[in-house]
Amino acid sequence: MNIRTVGPVDAKNQAIGGNKFALFNAEYYFDVGGPLRLLLFYDAGQAFAEGQNINLRQLRNSTGAELRFIMPVLNVPFRLIYAFNLNRDAFQPPHTFKFAVGTTF
């Protein structure tokens, strides 16, 4: 999901940014073998503008699976992520595939 598609927008549907957010992440992983793990995840979150109340019904949701390989020498995860966008606007894709290096936090 494009990070610019989450959060408050103006009348022209352009991102205006927020000063607070709600975020939830749950993961369950299986050790496949050695440094390889399979993860199932659920993410939910949203940013809110100043003066706007946090509304849990406005959270964006995604779920999916990830293959994570920890490079033994570098101790850095290489990640293949496939996610389904459960609560999306018409301009957002229904699913995505990404490659990432490093942790999420």
PDB file of N, CA and C in Angstrom:
ATOM      1  N   MET A   1       0.844  -1.163   0.000  1.00  0.00           N
ATOM      2  CA  MET A   1       0.000   0.000   0.000  1.00  0.00           C
ATOM      3  C   MET A   1       0.900   1.240   0.000  1.00  0.00           C
ATOM      4  N   ASN A   2       0.545   2.222  -0.790  1.00  0.00           N
ATOM      5  CA  ASN A   2       1.282   3.474  -0.830  1.00  0.00           C
ATOM      6  C   ASN A   2       1.006   4.240   0.461  1.00  0.00           C
ATOM      7  N   ILE A   3       2.070   4.666   1.146  1.00  0.00           N
ATOM      8  CA  ILE A   3       1.890   5.343   2.430  1.00  0.00           C
ATOM      9  C   ILE A   3       1.157   6.672   2.293  1.00  0.00           C
ATOM     10  N   ARG A   4       1.128   7.246   1.110  1.00  0.00           N
ATOM     11  CA  ARG A   4       0.439   8.525   0.905  1.00  0.00           C
ATOM     12  C   ARG A   4      -1.073   8.356   0.776  1.00  0.00           C
ATOM     13  N   THR A   5      -1.582   7.115   0.772  1.00  0.00           N
ATOM     14  CA  THR A   5      -3.012   6.896   0.631  1.00  0.00           C
ATOM     15  C   THR A   5      -3.688   6.656   1.971  1.00  0.00           C
ATOM     16  N   VAL A   6      -2.950   6.721   3.061  1.00  0.00           N
ATOM     17  CA  VAL A   6      -3.513   6.545   4.398  1.00  0.00           C
ATOM     18  C   VAL A   6      -3.451   7.885   5.109  1.00  0.00           C
ATOM     19  N   GLY A   7      -4.543   8.265   5.746  1.00  0.00           N
ATOM     20  CA  GLY A   7      -4.550   9.510   6.496  1.00  0.00           C
ATOM     21  C   GLY A   7      -5.538  10.514   5.956  1.00  0.00           C
ATOM     22  N   PRO A   8      -5.589  11.668   6.605  1.00  0.00           N
ATOM     23  CA  PRO A   8      -6.567  12.687   6.211  1.00  0.00           C
ATOM     24  C   PRO A   8      -6.252  13.308   4.850  1.00  0.00           C
ATOM     25  N   VAL A   9      -7.321  13.625   4.116  1.00  0.00           N
ATOM     26  CA  VAL A   9      -7.198  14.276   2.810  1.00  0.00           C
ATOM     27  C   VAL A   9      -8.071  15.528   2.786  1.00  0.00           C
ATOM     28  N   ASP A  10      -7.750  16.448   1.864  1.00  0.00           N
ATOM     29  CA  ASP A  10      -8.553  17.661   1.723  1.00  0.00           C
ATOM     30  C   ASP A  10      -9.680  17.430   0.712  1.00  0.00           C
ATOM     31  N   ALA A  11     -10.391  18.478   0.342  1.00  0.00           N
ATOM     32  CA  ALA A  11     -11.526  18.376  -0.573  1.00  0.00           C
ATOM     33  C   ALA A  11     -11.101  17.896  -1.965  1.00  0.00           C
ATOM     34  N   LYS A  12      -9.825  18.097  -2.334  1.00  0.00           N
ATOM     35  CA  LYS A  12      -9.307  17.658  -3.635  1.00  0.00           C
ATOM     36  C   LYS A  12      -8.721  16.253  -3.562  1.00  0.00           C
ATOM     37  N   ASN A  13      -8.928  15.569  -2.440  1.00  0.00           N
ATOM     38  CA  ASN A  13      -8.436  14.208  -2.197  1.00  0.00           C
ATOM     39  C   ASN A  13      -6.907  14.143  -2.173  1.00  0.00           C
ATOM     40  N   GLN A  14      -6.263  15.231  -1.741  1.00  0.00           N
ATOM     41  CA  GLN A  14      -4.811  15.273  -1.595  1.00  0.00           C
ATOM     42  C   GLN A  14      -4.464  15.105  -0.124  1.00  0.00           C
ATOM     43  N   ALA A  15      -3.399  14.343   0.134  1.00  0.00           N
ATOM     44  CA  ALA A  15      -2.976  14.081   1.518  1.00  0.00           C
ATOM     45  C   ALA A  15      -2.567  15.379   2.203  1.00  0.00           C
ATOM     46  N   ILE A  16      -3.078  15.584   3.426  1.00  0.00           N
ATOM     47  CA  ILE A  16      -2.715  16.783   4.189  1.00  0.00           C
ATOM     48  C   ILE A  16      -1.897  16.424   5.436  1.00  0.00           C
ATOM     49  N   GLY A  17      -1.777  15.138   5.708  1.00  0.00           N
ATOM     50  CA  GLY A  17      -0.981  14.709   6.861  1.00  0.00           C
ATOM     51  C   GLY A  17      -1.776  14.759   8.152  1.00  0.00           C
ATOM     52  N   GLY A  18      -1.225  14.132   9.154  1.00  0.00           N
ATOM     53  CA  GLY A  18      -1.886  14.089  10.442  1.00  0.00           C
ATOM     54  C   GLY A  18      -0.887  14.299  11.563  1.00  0.00           C
ATOM     55  N   ASN A  19      -1.382  14.509  12.770  1.00  0.00           N
ATOM     56  CA  ASN A  19      -0.482  14.702  13.911  1.00  0.00           C
ATOM     57  C   ASN A  19      -0.667  13.602  14.961  1.00  0.00           C
ATOM     58  N   LYS A  20      -1.505  12.598  14.647  1.00  0.00           N
ATOM     59  CA  LYS A  20      -1.664  11.449  15.546  1.00  0.00           C
ATOM     60  C   LYS A  20      -2.097  10.252  14.703  1.00  0.00           C
ATOM     61  N   PHE A  21      -1.900   9.052  15.262  1.00  0.00           N
ATOM     62  CA  PHE A  21      -2.277   7.861  14.520  1.00  0.00           C
ATOM     63  C   PHE A  21      -2.610   6.725  15.477  1.00  0.00           C
ATOM     64  N   ALA A  22      -3.315   5.731  14.935  1.00  0.00           N
ATOM     65  CA  ALA A  22      -3.584   4.484  15.643  1.00  0.00           C
ATOM     66  C   ALA A  22      -2.980   3.373  14.790  1.00  0.00           C
ATOM     67  N   LEU A  23      -2.309   2.410  15.430  1.00  0.00           N
ATOM     68  CA  LEU A  23      -1.624   1.347  14.705  1.00  0.00           C
ATOM     69  C   LEU A  23      -1.748   0.044  15.472  1.00  0.00           C
ATOM     70  N   PHE A  24      -2.054  -1.037  14.764  1.00  0.00           N
ATOM     71  CA  PHE A  24      -2.135  -2.366  15.344  1.00  0.00           C
ATOM     72  C   PHE A  24      -1.463  -3.335  14.388  1.00  0.00           C
ATOM     73  N   ASN A  25      -0.635  -4.226  14.922  1.00  0.00           N
ATOM     74  CA  ASN A  25       0.056  -5.216  14.107  1.00  0.00           C
ATOM     75  C   ASN A  25       0.096  -6.530  14.868  1.00  0.00           C
ATOM     76  N   ALA A  26      -0.294  -7.610  14.200  1.00  0.00           N
ATOM     77  CA  ALA A  26      -0.197  -8.945  14.786  1.00  0.00           C
ATOM     78  C   ALA A  26       0.492  -9.862  13.789  1.00  0.00           C
ATOM     79  N   GLU A  27       1.434 -10.677  14.281  1.00  0.00           N
ATOM     80  CA  GLU A  27       2.158 -11.615  13.440  1.00  0.00           C
ATOM     81  C   GLU A  27       2.203 -12.982  14.121  1.00  0.00           C
ATOM     82  N   TYR A  28       2.151 -14.003  13.306  1.00  0.00           N
ATOM     83  CA  TYR A  28       2.356 -15.362  13.790  1.00  0.00           C
ATOM     84  C   TYR A  28       3.353 -16.004  12.844  1.00  0.00           C
ATOM     85  N   TYR A  29       4.441 -16.518  13.377  1.00  0.00           N
ATOM     86  CA  TYR A  29       5.454 -17.059  12.481  1.00  0.00           C
ATOM     87  C   TYR A  29       5.718 -18.533  12.736  1.00  0.00           C
ATOM     88  N   PHE A  30       6.189 -19.170  11.636  1.00  0.00           N
ATOM     89  CA  PHE A  30       6.569 -20.571  11.650  1.00  0.00           C
ATOM     90  C   PHE A  30       8.022 -20.654  11.209  1.00  0.00           C
ATOM     91  N   ASP A  31       8.857 -21.364  11.945  1.00  0.00           N
ATOM     92  CA  ASP A  31      10.228 -21.607  11.514  1.00  0.00           C
ATOM     93  C   ASP A  31      10.190 -22.689  10.445  1.00  0.00           C
ATOM     94  N   VAL A  32      10.581 -22.329   9.226  1.00  0.00           N
ATOM     95  CA  VAL A  32      10.581 -23.276   8.113  1.00  0.00           C
ATOM     96  C   VAL A  32      11.831 -24.141   8.165  1.00  0.00           C
ATOM     97  N   GLY A  33      12.947 -23.525   8.475  1.00  0.00           N
ATOM     98  CA  GLY A  33      14.208 -24.250   8.567  1.00  0.00           C
ATOM     99  C   GLY A  33      15.363 -23.281   8.527  1.00  0.00           C
ATOM    100  N   GLY A  34      16.306 -23.469   9.438  1.00  0.00           N
ATOM    101  CA  GLY A  34      17.460 -22.573   9.488  1.00  0.00           C
ATOM    102  C   GLY A  34      17.026 -21.134   9.686  1.00  0.00           C
ATOM    103  N   PRO A  35      17.526 -20.242   8.827  1.00  0.00           N
ATOM    104  CA  PRO A  35      17.186 -18.814   8.985  1.00  0.00           C
ATOM    105  C   PRO A  35      15.922 -18.386   8.248  1.00  0.00           C
ATOM    106  N   LEU A  36      15.107 -19.341   7.758  1.00  0.00           N
ATOM    107  CA  LEU A  36      13.905 -19.012   6.981  1.00  0.00           C
ATOM    108  C   LEU A  36      12.651 -19.149   7.842  1.00  0.00           C
ATOM    109  N   ARG A  37      11.807 -18.104   7.803  1.00  0.00           N
ATOM    110  CA  ARG A  37      10.535 -18.099   8.529  1.00  0.00           C
ATOM    111  C   ARG A  37       9.400 -17.721   7.590  1.00  0.00           C
ATOM    112  N   LEU A  38       8.222 -18.289   7.864  1.00  0.00           N
ATOM    113  CA  LEU A  38       6.985 -17.899   7.201  1.00  0.00           C
ATOM    114  C   LEU A  38       6.137 -17.175   8.230  1.00  0.00           C
ATOM    115  N   LEU A  39       5.656 -15.985   7.895  1.00  0.00           N
ATOM    116  CA  LEU A  39       4.830 -15.201   8.809  1.00  0.00           C
ATOM    117  C   LEU A  39       3.463 -14.951   8.199  1.00  0.00           C
ATOM    118  N   LEU A  40       2.442 -14.996   9.032  1.00  0.00           N
ATOM    119  CA  LEU A  40       1.107 -14.542   8.681  1.00  0.00           C
ATOM    120  C   LEU A  40       0.861 -13.281   9.498  1.00  0.00           C
ATOM    121  N   PHE A  41       0.302 -12.253   8.886  1.00  0.00           N
ATOM    122  CA  PHE A  41       0.157 -10.990   9.602  1.00  0.00           C
ATOM    123  C   PHE A  41      -1.189 -10.327   9.344  1.00  0.00           C
ATOM    124  N   TYR A  42      -1.537  -9.436  10.255  1.00  0.00           N
ATOM    125  CA  TYR A  42      -2.695  -8.559  10.141  1.00  0.00           C
ATOM    126  C   TYR A  42      -2.250  -7.185  10.618  1.00  0.00           C
ATOM    127  N   ASP A  43      -2.472  -6.167   9.812  1.00  0.00           N
ATOM    128  CA  ASP A  43      -2.115  -4.795  10.153  1.00  0.00           C
ATOM    129  C   ASP A  43      -3.358  -3.912  10.055  1.00  0.00           C
ATOM    130  N   ALA A  44      -3.453  -2.937  10.930  1.00  0.00           N
ATOM    131  CA  ALA A  44      -4.521  -1.945  10.867  1.00  0.00           C
ATOM    132  C   ALA A  44      -3.955  -0.617  11.350  1.00  0.00           C
ATOM    133  N   GLY A  45      -4.354   0.467  10.706  1.00  0.00           N
ATOM    134  CA  GLY A  45      -3.869   1.770  11.137  1.00  0.00           C
ATOM    135  C   GLY A  45      -4.496   2.900  10.349  1.00  0.00           C
ATOM    136  N   GLN A  46      -4.314   4.104  10.863  1.00  0.00           N
ATOM    137  CA  GLN A  46      -4.815   5.311  10.210  1.00  0.00           C
ATOM    138  C   GLN A  46      -4.202   6.519  10.897  1.00  0.00           C
ATOM    139  N   ALA A  47      -3.985   7.568  10.138  1.00  0.00           N
ATOM    140  CA  ALA A  47      -3.529   8.850  10.677  1.00  0.00           C
ATOM    141  C   ALA A  47      -4.722   9.795  10.740  1.00  0.00           C
ATOM    142  N   PHE A  48      -4.671  10.722  11.688  1.00  0.00           N
ATOM    143  CA  PHE A  48      -5.785  11.646  11.902  1.00  0.00           C
ATOM    144  C   PHE A  48      -5.256  13.075  12.011  1.00  0.00           C
ATOM    145  N   ALA A  49      -6.033  14.012  11.500  1.00  0.00           N
ATOM    146  CA  ALA A  49      -5.642  15.424  11.497  1.00  0.00           C
ATOM    147  C   ALA A  49      -5.841  16.046  12.875  1.00  0.00           C
ATOM    148  N   GLU A  50      -5.190  17.179  13.071  1.00  0.00           N
ATOM    149  CA  GLU A  50      -5.341  17.925  14.324  1.00  0.00           C
ATOM    150  C   GLU A  50      -6.812  18.297  14.512  1.00  0.00           C
ATOM    151  N   GLY A  51      -7.323  18.062  15.702  1.00  0.00           N
ATOM    152  CA  GLY A  51      -8.716  18.356  15.997  1.00  0.00           C
ATOM    153  C   GLY A  51      -9.677  17.236  15.623  1.00  0.00           C
ATOM    154  N   GLN A  52      -9.202  16.242  14.917  1.00  0.00           N
ATOM    155  CA  GLN A  52     -10.025  15.104  14.520  1.00  0.00           C
ATOM    156  C   GLN A  52      -9.891  13.998  15.570  1.00  0.00           C
ATOM    157  N   ASN A  53     -10.998  13.419  15.997  1.00  0.00           N
ATOM    158  CA  ASN A  53     -10.963  12.323  16.967  1.00  0.00           C
ATOM    159  C   ASN A  53     -10.483  11.037  16.310  1.00  0.00           C
ATOM    160  N   ILE A  54      -9.802  10.199  17.068  1.00  0.00           N
ATOM    161  CA  ILE A  54      -9.408   8.886  16.575  1.00  0.00           C
ATOM    162  C   ILE A  54     -10.659   8.018  16.504  1.00  0.00           C
ATOM    163  N   ASN A  55     -10.931   7.510  15.312  1.00  0.00           N
ATOM    164  CA  ASN A  55     -12.112   6.695  15.064  1.00  0.00           C
ATOM    165  C   ASN A  55     -11.636   5.323  14.575  1.00  0.00           C
ATOM    166  N   LEU A  56     -11.813   4.295  15.394  1.00  0.00           N
ATOM    167  CA  LEU A  56     -11.332   2.957  15.049  1.00  0.00           C
ATOM    168  C   LEU A  56     -12.052   2.369  13.839  1.00  0.00           C
ATOM    169  N   ARG A  57     -13.209   2.880  13.493  1.00  0.00           N
ATOM    170  CA  ARG A  57     -13.928   2.401  12.304  1.00  0.00           C
ATOM    171  C   ARG A  57     -13.296   2.891  11.010  1.00  0.00           C
ATOM    172  N   GLN A  58     -12.398   3.864  11.093  1.00  0.00           N
ATOM    173  CA  GLN A  58     -11.731   4.384   9.906  1.00  0.00           C
ATOM    174  C   GLN A  58     -10.375   3.719   9.653  1.00  0.00           C
ATOM    175  N   LEU A  59      -9.997   2.751  10.461  1.00  0.00           N
ATOM    176  CA  LEU A  59      -8.702   2.093  10.277  1.00  0.00           C
ATOM    177  C   LEU A  59      -8.648   1.362   8.943  1.00  0.00           C
ATOM    178  N   ARG A  60      -7.502   1.450   8.289  1.00  0.00           N
ATOM    179  CA  ARG A  60      -7.231   0.677   7.078  1.00  0.00           C
ATOM    180  C   ARG A  60      -6.672  -0.667   7.521  1.00  0.00           C
ATOM    181  N   ASN A  61      -7.027  -1.731   6.807  1.00  0.00           N
ATOM    182  CA  ASN A  61      -6.629  -3.079   7.199  1.00  0.00           C
ATOM    183  C   ASN A  61      -5.933  -3.790   6.054  1.00  0.00           C
ATOM    184  N   SER A  62      -4.970  -4.613   6.383  1.00  0.00           N
ATOM    185  CA  SER A  62      -4.362  -5.509   5.404  1.00  0.00           C
ATOM    186  C   SER A  62      -3.954  -6.785   6.120  1.00  0.00           C
ATOM    187  N   THR A  63      -3.908  -7.849   5.358  1.00  0.00           N
ATOM    188  CA  THR A  63      -3.464  -9.134   5.881  1.00  0.00           C
ATOM    189  C   THR A  63      -2.668  -9.829   4.792  1.00  0.00           C
ATOM    190  N   GLY A  64      -1.828 -10.769   5.192  1.00  0.00           N
ATOM    191  CA  GLY A  64      -1.036 -11.450   4.181  1.00  0.00           C
ATOM    192  C   GLY A  64      -0.022 -12.389   4.778  1.00  0.00           C
ATOM    193  N   ALA A  65       0.969 -12.699   3.944  1.00  0.00           N
ATOM    194  CA  ALA A  65       2.029 -13.626   4.332  1.00  0.00           C
ATOM    195  C   ALA A  65       3.383 -13.043   3.953  1.00  0.00           C
ATOM    196  N   GLU A  66       4.390 -13.480   4.679  1.00  0.00           N
ATOM    197  CA  GLU A  66       5.745 -12.982   4.442  1.00  0.00           C
ATOM    198  C   GLU A  66       6.722 -14.134   4.595  1.00  0.00           C
ATOM    199  N   LEU A  67       7.697 -14.187   3.692  1.00  0.00           N
ATOM    200  CA  LEU A  67       8.846 -15.075   3.852  1.00  0.00           C
ATOM    201  C   LEU A  67      10.000 -14.204   4.306  1.00  0.00           C
ATOM    202  N   ARG A  68      10.613 -14.567   5.407  1.00  0.00           N
ATOM    203  CA  ARG A  68      11.696 -13.763   5.985  1.00  0.00           C
ATOM    204  C   ARG A  68      12.943 -14.634   6.118  1.00  0.00           C
ATOM    205  N   PHE A  69      14.024 -14.182   5.477  1.00  0.00           N
ATOM    206  CA  PHE A  69      15.305 -14.884   5.529  1.00  0.00           C
ATOM    207  C   PHE A  69      16.300 -13.999   6.272  1.00  0.00           C
ATOM    208  N   ILE A  70      16.829 -14.485   7.368  1.00  0.00           N
ATOM    209  CA  ILE A  70      17.813 -13.723   8.147  1.00  0.00           C
ATOM    210  C   ILE A  70      19.208 -14.046   7.618  1.00  0.00           C
ATOM    211  N   MET A  71      19.884 -13.036   7.083  1.00  0.00           N
ATOM    212  CA  MET A  71      21.260 -13.223   6.598  1.00  0.00           C
ATOM    213  C   MET A  71      22.165 -13.454   7.803  1.00  0.00           C
ATOM    214  N   PRO A  72      22.756 -14.645   7.920  1.00  0.00           N
ATOM    215  CA  PRO A  72      23.538 -14.983   9.117  1.00  0.00           C
ATOM    216  C   PRO A  72      24.697 -14.028   9.414  1.00  0.00           C
ATOM    217  N   VAL A  73      25.430 -13.612   8.423  1.00  0.00           N
ATOM    218  CA  VAL A  73      26.599 -12.754   8.657  1.00  0.00           C
ATOM    219  C   VAL A  73      26.183 -11.331   9.013  1.00  0.00           C
ATOM    220  N   LEU A  74      25.169 -10.815   8.327  1.00  0.00           N
ATOM    221  CA  LEU A  74      24.726  -9.436   8.535  1.00  0.00           C
ATOM    222  C   LEU A  74      23.672  -9.314   9.633  1.00  0.00           C
ATOM    223  N   ASN A  75      22.969 -10.403   9.951  1.00  0.00           N
ATOM    224  CA  ASN A  75      21.871 -10.409  10.916  1.00  0.00           C
ATOM    225  C   ASN A  75      20.777  -9.411  10.516  1.00  0.00           C
ATOM    226  N   VAL A  76      20.476  -9.387   9.204  1.00  0.00           N
ATOM    227  CA  VAL A  76      19.470  -8.489   8.635  1.00  0.00           C
ATOM    228  C   VAL A  76      18.442  -9.333   7.892  1.00  0.00           C
ATOM    229  N   PRO A  77      17.140  -9.092   8.101  1.00  0.00           N
ATOM    230  CA  PRO A  77      16.134  -9.882   7.372  1.00  0.00           C
ATOM    231  C   PRO A  77      15.911  -9.391   5.948  1.00  0.00           C
ATOM    232  N   PHE A  78      15.861 -10.338   5.013  1.00  0.00           N
ATOM    233  CA  PHE A  78      15.417 -10.095   3.648  1.00  0.00           C
ATOM    234  C   PHE A  78      13.984 -10.607   3.613  1.00  0.00           C
ATOM    235  N   ARG A  79      13.043  -9.767   3.132  1.00  0.00           N
ATOM    236  CA  ARG A  79      11.627 -10.057   3.289  1.00  0.00           C
ATOM    237  C   ARG A  79      10.885 -10.013   1.956  1.00  0.00           C
ATOM    238  N   LEU A  80      10.092 -11.047   1.680  1.00  0.00           N
ATOM    239  CA  LEU A  80       9.164 -11.078   0.560  1.00  0.00           C
ATOM    240  C   LEU A  80       7.766 -11.020   1.170  1.00  0.00           C
ATOM    241  N   ILE A  81       7.011  -9.988   0.832  1.00  0.00           N
ATOM    242  CA  ILE A  81       5.732  -9.718   1.486  1.00  0.00           C
ATOM    243  C   ILE A  81       4.606  -9.686   0.448  1.00  0.00           C
ATOM    244  N   TYR A  82       3.552 -10.461   0.703  1.00  0.00           N
ATOM    245  CA  TYR A  82       2.349 -10.413  -0.121  1.00  0.00           C
ATOM    246  C   TYR A  82       1.184 -10.020   0.785  1.00  0.00           C
ATOM    247  N   ALA A  83       0.497  -8.931   0.450  1.00  0.00           N
ATOM    248  CA  ALA A  83      -0.567  -8.412   1.316  1.00  0.00           C
ATOM    249  C   ALA A  83      -1.849  -8.181   0.529  1.00  0.00           C
ATOM    250  N   PHE A  84      -2.991  -8.436   1.196  1.00  0.00           N
ATOM    251  CA  PHE A  84      -4.314  -8.136   0.675  1.00  0.00           C
ATOM    252  C   PHE A  84      -4.815  -6.883   1.379  1.00  0.00           C
ATOM    253  N   ASN A  85      -5.323  -5.925   0.617  1.00  0.00           N
ATOM    254  CA  ASN A  85      -5.856  -4.684   1.146  1.00  0.00           C
ATOM    255  C   ASN A  85      -7.349  -4.875   1.403  1.00  0.00           C
ATOM    256  N   LEU A  86      -7.731  -5.070   2.673  1.00  0.00           N
ATOM    257  CA  LEU A  86      -9.103  -5.427   3.023  1.00  0.00           C
ATOM    258  C   LEU A  86     -10.078  -4.258   2.993  1.00  0.00           C
ATOM    259  N   ASN A  87      -9.638  -3.073   3.351  1.00  0.00           N
ATOM    260  CA  ASN A  87     -10.512  -1.902   3.451  1.00  0.00           C
ATOM    261  C   ASN A  87      -9.879  -0.810   2.609  1.00  0.00           C
ATOM    262  N   ARG A  88     -10.270  -0.720   1.343  1.00  0.00           N
ATOM    263  CA  ARG A  88      -9.567   0.183   0.436  1.00  0.00           C
ATOM    264  C   ARG A  88     -10.518   1.095  -0.312  1.00  0.00           C
ATOM    265  N   ASP A  89      -9.952   2.207  -0.772  1.00  0.00           N
ATOM    266  CA  ASP A  89     -10.673   3.095  -1.673  1.00  0.00           C
ATOM    267  C   ASP A  89     -10.487   2.574  -3.097  1.00  0.00           C
ATOM    268  N   ALA A  90     -11.270   3.091  -4.045  1.00  0.00           N
ATOM    269  CA  ALA A  90     -11.232   2.620  -5.430  1.00  0.00           C
ATOM    270  C   ALA A  90      -9.854   2.810  -6.072  1.00  0.00           C
ATOM    271  N   PHE A  91      -9.104   3.830  -5.665  1.00  0.00           N
ATOM    272  CA  PHE A  91      -7.805   4.098  -6.283  1.00  0.00           C
ATOM    273  C   PHE A  91      -6.675   3.272  -5.679  1.00  0.00           C
ATOM    274  N   GLN A  92      -6.943   2.496  -4.636  1.00  0.00           N
ATOM    275  CA  GLN A  92      -5.919   1.678  -3.994  1.00  0.00           C
ATOM    276  C   GLN A  92      -5.962   0.255  -4.541  1.00  0.00           C
ATOM    277  N   PRO A  93      -4.803  -0.386  -4.690  1.00  0.00           N
ATOM    278  CA  PRO A  93      -4.780  -1.743  -5.242  1.00  0.00           C
ATOM    279  C   PRO A  93      -5.353  -2.764  -4.255  1.00  0.00           C
ATOM    280  N   PRO A  94      -5.962  -3.847  -4.764  1.00  0.00           N
ATOM    281  CA  PRO A  94      -6.518  -4.871  -3.875  1.00  0.00           C
ATOM    282  C   PRO A  94      -5.451  -5.726  -3.189  1.00  0.00           C
ATOM    283  N   HIS A  95      -4.265  -5.817  -3.791  1.00  0.00           N
ATOM    284  CA  HIS A  95      -3.172  -6.598  -3.199  1.00  0.00           C
ATOM    285  C   HIS A  95      -1.841  -6.034  -3.680  1.00  0.00           C
ATOM    286  N   THR A  96      -0.762  -6.438  -3.015  1.00  0.00           N
ATOM    287  CA  THR A  96       0.567  -5.949  -3.384  1.00  0.00           C
ATOM    288  C   THR A  96       1.617  -6.987  -3.034  1.00  0.00           C
ATOM    289  N   PHE A  97       2.738  -6.909  -3.723  1.00  0.00           N
ATOM    290  CA  PHE A  97       3.887  -7.763  -3.456  1.00  0.00           C
ATOM    291  C   PHE A  97       5.094  -6.856  -3.307  1.00  0.00           C
ATOM    292  N   LYS A  98       5.859  -7.039  -2.225  1.00  0.00           N
ATOM    293  CA  LYS A  98       7.002  -6.167  -1.966  1.00  0.00           C
ATOM    294  C   LYS A  98       8.200  -6.965  -1.513  1.00  0.00           C
ATOM    295  N   PHE A  99       9.371  -6.426  -1.808  1.00  0.00           N
ATOM    296  CA  PHE A  99      10.631  -6.929  -1.283  1.00  0.00           C
ATOM    297  C   PHE A  99      11.181  -5.861  -0.351  1.00  0.00           C
ATOM    298  N   ALA A 100      11.624  -6.261   0.830  1.00  0.00           N
ATOM    299  CA  ALA A 100      12.162  -5.307   1.788  1.00  0.00           C
ATOM    300  C   ALA A 100      13.381  -5.893   2.490  1.00  0.00           C
ATOM    301  N   VAL A 101      14.247  -5.019   2.929  1.00  0.00           N
ATOM    302  CA  VAL A 101      15.417  -5.410   3.711  1.00  0.00           C
ATOM    303  C   VAL A 101      15.355  -4.661   5.023  1.00  0.00           C
ATOM    304  N   GLY A 102      15.496  -5.365   6.137  1.00  0.00           N
ATOM    305  CA  GLY A 102      15.457  -4.742   7.442  1.00  0.00           C
ATOM    306  C   GLY A 102      14.133  -4.982   8.147  1.00  0.00           C
ATOM    307  N   THR A 103      14.030  -4.425   9.340  1.00  0.00           N
ATOM    308  CA  THR A 103      12.827  -4.604  10.136  1.00  0.00           C
ATOM    309  C   THR A 103      11.838  -3.484   9.879  1.00  0.00           C
ATOM    310  N   THR A 104      10.596  -3.651  10.354  1.00  0.00           N
ATOM    311  CA  THR A 104       9.567  -2.639  10.141  1.00  0.00           C
ATOM    312  C   THR A 104       9.656  -1.505  11.131  1.00  0.00           C
ATOM    313  N   PHE A 105      10.229  -1.708  12.296  1.00  0.00           N
ATOM    314  CA  PHE A 105      10.270  -0.659  13.308  1.00  0.00           C
ATOM    315  C   PHE A 105      11.680  -0.212  13.547  1.00  0.00           C
TER     316      PHE A 105
END
